[in-house]
């Protein structure tokens, strides 16, 4: 019984992820890639499980030679008009990311928003909006069998890896060049 349930859930979740990732508009992806390649520094903010997914992206961006910090890290430098603030928030109304966006605007940083709510408060502040079309706390979209905003969080993780593959290709980085930037105090 468990195996049938597990197998059925696995197939459904993989199908949901495919629907979300294939629904993202190419123009939005291109705008984000361009912003990541041209930013002097990248700052990433999200809360809860979104932050966990975006933390993986921050690590990989650094492996690709793109200077990236999570907002609030002890070694976070100042943001300026040559930088990109990347915000993940399914609802686009999360209090902390919203306030960080307001702050980044004061310094004229570019803002990119990964969301399921493309008309949210944060989306209205953003220069780039990447719409995941997922069901979220405040939006409609691709429905899921999973609880709460799990589908959005999973999609963010895989989306980050897909973006990094394209960034590595455009930067003409080999696997060994990327690996040379991996932590070695393990």
Protein backbone atom coordinates (compact mmCIF):
# COMPACT_ATOMS: atom_id res chain seq x y z
CA UNK A 1 0.00 0.00 0.00
CA UNK A 2 2.73 2.50 0.94
CA UNK A 3 4.67 1.79 -2.25
CA UNK A 4 1.61 2.50 -4.42
CA UNK A 5 0.93 5.75 -2.58
CA UNK A 6 4.60 6.81 -2.71
CA UNK A 7 4.91 5.95 -6.41
CA UNK A 8 1.68 7.73 -7.31
CA UNK A 9 2.69 10.84 -5.32
CA UNK A 10 6.14 10.85 -6.93
CA UNK A 11 4.66 10.82 -10.43
CA UNK A 12 2.17 13.56 -9.57
CA UNK A 13 4.80 15.82 -8.00
CA UNK A 14 7.21 15.40 -10.93
CA UNK A 15 4.33 16.29 -13.28
CA UNK A 16 3.51 19.37 -11.17
CA UNK A 17 7.14 20.51 -11.25
CA UNK A 18 7.27 20.07 -15.01
CA UNK A 19 4.10 22.14 -15.42
CA UNK A 20 5.52 24.96 -13.30
CA UNK A 21 9.00 25.04 -14.82
CA UNK A 22 7.73 24.83 -18.40
CA UNK A 23 5.20 27.63 -17.78
CA UNK A 24 7.86 30.25 -17.01
CA UNK A 25 8.14 32.70 -19.89
CA UNK A 26 11.42 32.71 -21.84
CA UNK A 27 11.56 36.52 -21.82
CA UNK A 28 11.43 36.55 -18.01
CA UNK A 29 14.20 33.95 -17.83
CA UNK A 30 16.35 35.92 -20.28
CA UNK A 31 15.86 39.14 -18.31
CA UNK A 32 16.95 37.40 -15.11
CA UNK A 33 20.01 35.80 -16.72
CA UNK A 34 21.07 39.14 -18.19
CA UNK A 35 20.64 40.84 -14.82
CA UNK A 36 22.71 38.15 -13.08
CA UNK A 37 25.49 38.41 -15.68
CA UNK A 38 25.66 42.21 -15.54
CA UNK A 39 25.27 42.81 -11.81
CA UNK A 40 28.34 43.80 -9.87
CA UNK A 41 26.94 42.01 -6.82
CA UNK A 42 23.85 39.90 -6.20
CA UNK A 43 21.88 39.94 -2.96
CA UNK A 44 19.26 37.27 -2.28
CA UNK A 45 16.34 37.45 0.15
CA UNK A 46 13.60 35.00 1.03
CA UNK A 47 12.12 33.65 4.24
CA UNK A 48 11.39 30.16 5.49
CA UNK A 49 11.65 27.32 2.97
CA UNK A 50 12.02 29.84 0.14
CA UNK A 51 15.24 31.04 1.78
CA UNK A 52 16.50 27.45 1.90
CA UNK A 53 15.89 27.02 -1.84
CA UNK A 54 17.51 30.37 -2.62
CA UNK A 55 20.51 29.58 -0.42
CA UNK A 56 21.40 26.78 -2.83
CA UNK A 57 21.21 29.28 -5.70
CA UNK A 58 23.46 31.74 -3.86
CA UNK A 59 26.09 29.06 -3.31
CA UNK A 60 26.04 27.97 -6.95
CA UNK A 61 26.19 31.56 -8.26
CA UNK A 62 29.37 32.03 -6.25
CA UNK A 63 30.76 28.85 -7.82
CA UNK A 64 30.12 30.51 -11.19
CA UNK A 65 32.07 33.62 -10.21
CA UNK A 66 28.98 35.77 -9.58
CA UNK A 67 29.50 37.55 -6.25
CA UNK A 68 26.42 36.68 -4.23
CA UNK A 69 25.27 37.14 -0.64
CA UNK A 70 22.18 36.27 1.34
CA UNK A 71 20.74 39.43 2.85
CA UNK A 72 21.65 39.49 6.52
CA UNK A 73 24.85 37.46 6.22
CA UNK A 74 27.57 38.75 8.53
CA UNK A 75 29.86 39.50 5.56
CA UNK A 76 27.18 41.22 3.43
CA UNK A 77 28.59 44.32 1.68
CA UNK A 78 26.68 47.48 0.78
CA UNK A 79 24.25 47.39 -2.13
CA UNK A 80 24.38 50.04 -4.86
CA UNK A 81 22.99 50.91 -8.28
CA UNK A 82 25.20 48.34 -10.05
CA UNK A 83 23.74 45.48 -8.01
CA UNK A 84 20.81 43.11 -8.16
CA UNK A 85 18.45 42.21 -5.32
CA UNK A 86 16.84 38.83 -6.06
CA UNK A 87 13.68 38.30 -4.01
CA UNK A 88 11.84 35.02 -3.67
CA UNK A 89 8.30 35.27 -2.33
CA UNK A 90 5.36 33.28 -3.64
CA UNK A 91 2.83 35.75 -2.28
CA UNK A 92 4.92 38.83 -2.98
CA UNK A 93 3.70 40.20 0.33
CA UNK A 94 6.21 38.72 2.80
CA UNK A 95 7.03 41.48 5.26
CA UNK A 96 10.83 41.19 5.44
CA UNK A 97 11.47 40.84 1.68
CA UNK A 98 9.05 43.71 1.04
CA UNK A 99 10.95 46.00 3.41
CA UNK A 100 14.31 44.93 1.94
CA UNK A 101 12.97 45.81 -1.54
CA UNK A 102 12.01 49.29 -0.32
CA UNK A 103 15.51 49.72 1.08
CA UNK A 104 17.17 48.49 -2.15
CA UNK A 105 15.13 51.01 -4.14
CA UNK A 106 16.72 53.82 -2.11
CA UNK A 107 20.11 52.71 -3.43
CA UNK A 108 18.79 52.29 -6.99
CA UNK A 109 19.61 48.58 -7.13
CA UNK A 110 17.83 46.51 -9.75
CA UNK A 111 15.18 44.19 -8.26
CA UNK A 112 14.22 40.78 -9.62
CA UNK A 113 11.27 38.96 -8.10
CA UNK A 114 10.62 35.20 -8.28
CA UNK A 115 6.95 34.77 -7.42
CA UNK A 116 3.56 33.19 -7.98
CA UNK A 117 1.83 36.55 -7.60
CA UNK A 118 2.94 38.80 -10.48
CA UNK A 119 0.72 41.70 -9.39
CA UNK A 120 1.87 41.72 -5.74
CA UNK A 121 3.41 44.64 -3.87
CA UNK A 122 6.95 43.32 -4.40
CA UNK A 123 6.28 42.62 -8.09
CA UNK A 124 5.21 46.25 -8.56
CA UNK A 125 8.59 47.37 -7.17
CA UNK A 126 10.58 44.93 -9.29
CA UNK A 127 12.38 45.58 -12.57
CA UNK A 128 12.09 41.88 -13.44
CA UNK A 129 9.30 39.51 -12.46
CA UNK A 130 9.57 35.78 -13.01
CA UNK A 131 6.12 34.23 -12.63
CA UNK A 132 6.05 30.58 -11.55
CA UNK A 133 2.28 30.27 -12.04
CA UNK A 134 2.05 28.14 -8.85
CA UNK A 135 -0.73 28.15 -6.39
CA UNK A 136 0.43 30.35 -3.52
CA UNK A 137 -0.97 31.92 -0.38
CA UNK A 138 -2.37 34.81 -2.37
CA UNK A 139 -2.55 33.60 -5.94
CA UNK A 140 -4.10 31.21 -8.35
CA UNK A 141 -2.15 28.91 -10.57
CA UNK A 142 -1.03 25.35 -11.00
CA UNK A 143 -2.64 23.31 -8.25
CA UNK A 144 -0.72 20.80 -6.18
CA UNK A 145 -1.32 17.79 -3.98
CA UNK A 146 1.39 19.13 -1.67
CA UNK A 147 0.81 21.24 1.43
CA UNK A 148 1.01 25.01 1.51
CA UNK A 149 3.65 26.48 -0.84
CA UNK A 150 5.80 23.37 -1.25
CA UNK A 151 5.50 23.34 -5.05
CA UNK A 152 6.82 26.91 -5.30
CA UNK A 153 9.75 26.15 -3.00
CA UNK A 154 10.69 23.00 -4.94
CA UNK A 155 10.36 24.86 -8.23
CA UNK A 156 12.68 27.61 -6.98
CA UNK A 157 15.39 25.06 -6.18
CA UNK A 158 15.25 23.39 -9.59
CA UNK A 159 14.83 26.73 -11.40
CA UNK A 160 18.01 27.98 -9.72
CA UNK A 161 19.94 24.97 -10.99
CA UNK A 162 18.52 25.43 -14.50
CA UNK A 163 19.54 29.10 -14.49
CA UNK A 164 23.04 28.20 -13.28
CA UNK A 165 23.46 25.68 -16.12
CA UNK A 166 22.70 28.43 -18.60
CA UNK A 167 24.96 30.92 -16.82
CA UNK A 168 27.87 28.44 -16.89
CA UNK A 169 27.29 27.89 -20.60
CA UNK A 170 27.21 31.61 -21.37
CA UNK A 171 30.31 32.23 -19.27
CA UNK A 172 31.94 29.25 -21.06
CA UNK A 173 32.90 27.64 -17.75
CA UNK A 174 34.00 24.04 -17.66
CA UNK A 175 32.95 21.65 -14.90
CA UNK A 176 36.49 21.77 -13.48
CA UNK A 177 36.48 25.59 -13.41
CA UNK A 178 33.20 25.56 -11.48
CA UNK A 179 34.49 22.84 -9.15
CA UNK A 180 37.62 24.89 -8.42
CA UNK A 181 35.36 27.44 -6.69
CA UNK A 182 33.69 24.83 -4.47
CA UNK A 183 34.36 24.93 -0.72
CA UNK A 184 37.40 22.85 0.20
CA UNK A 185 37.39 23.11 4.00
CA UNK A 186 35.03 20.15 4.19
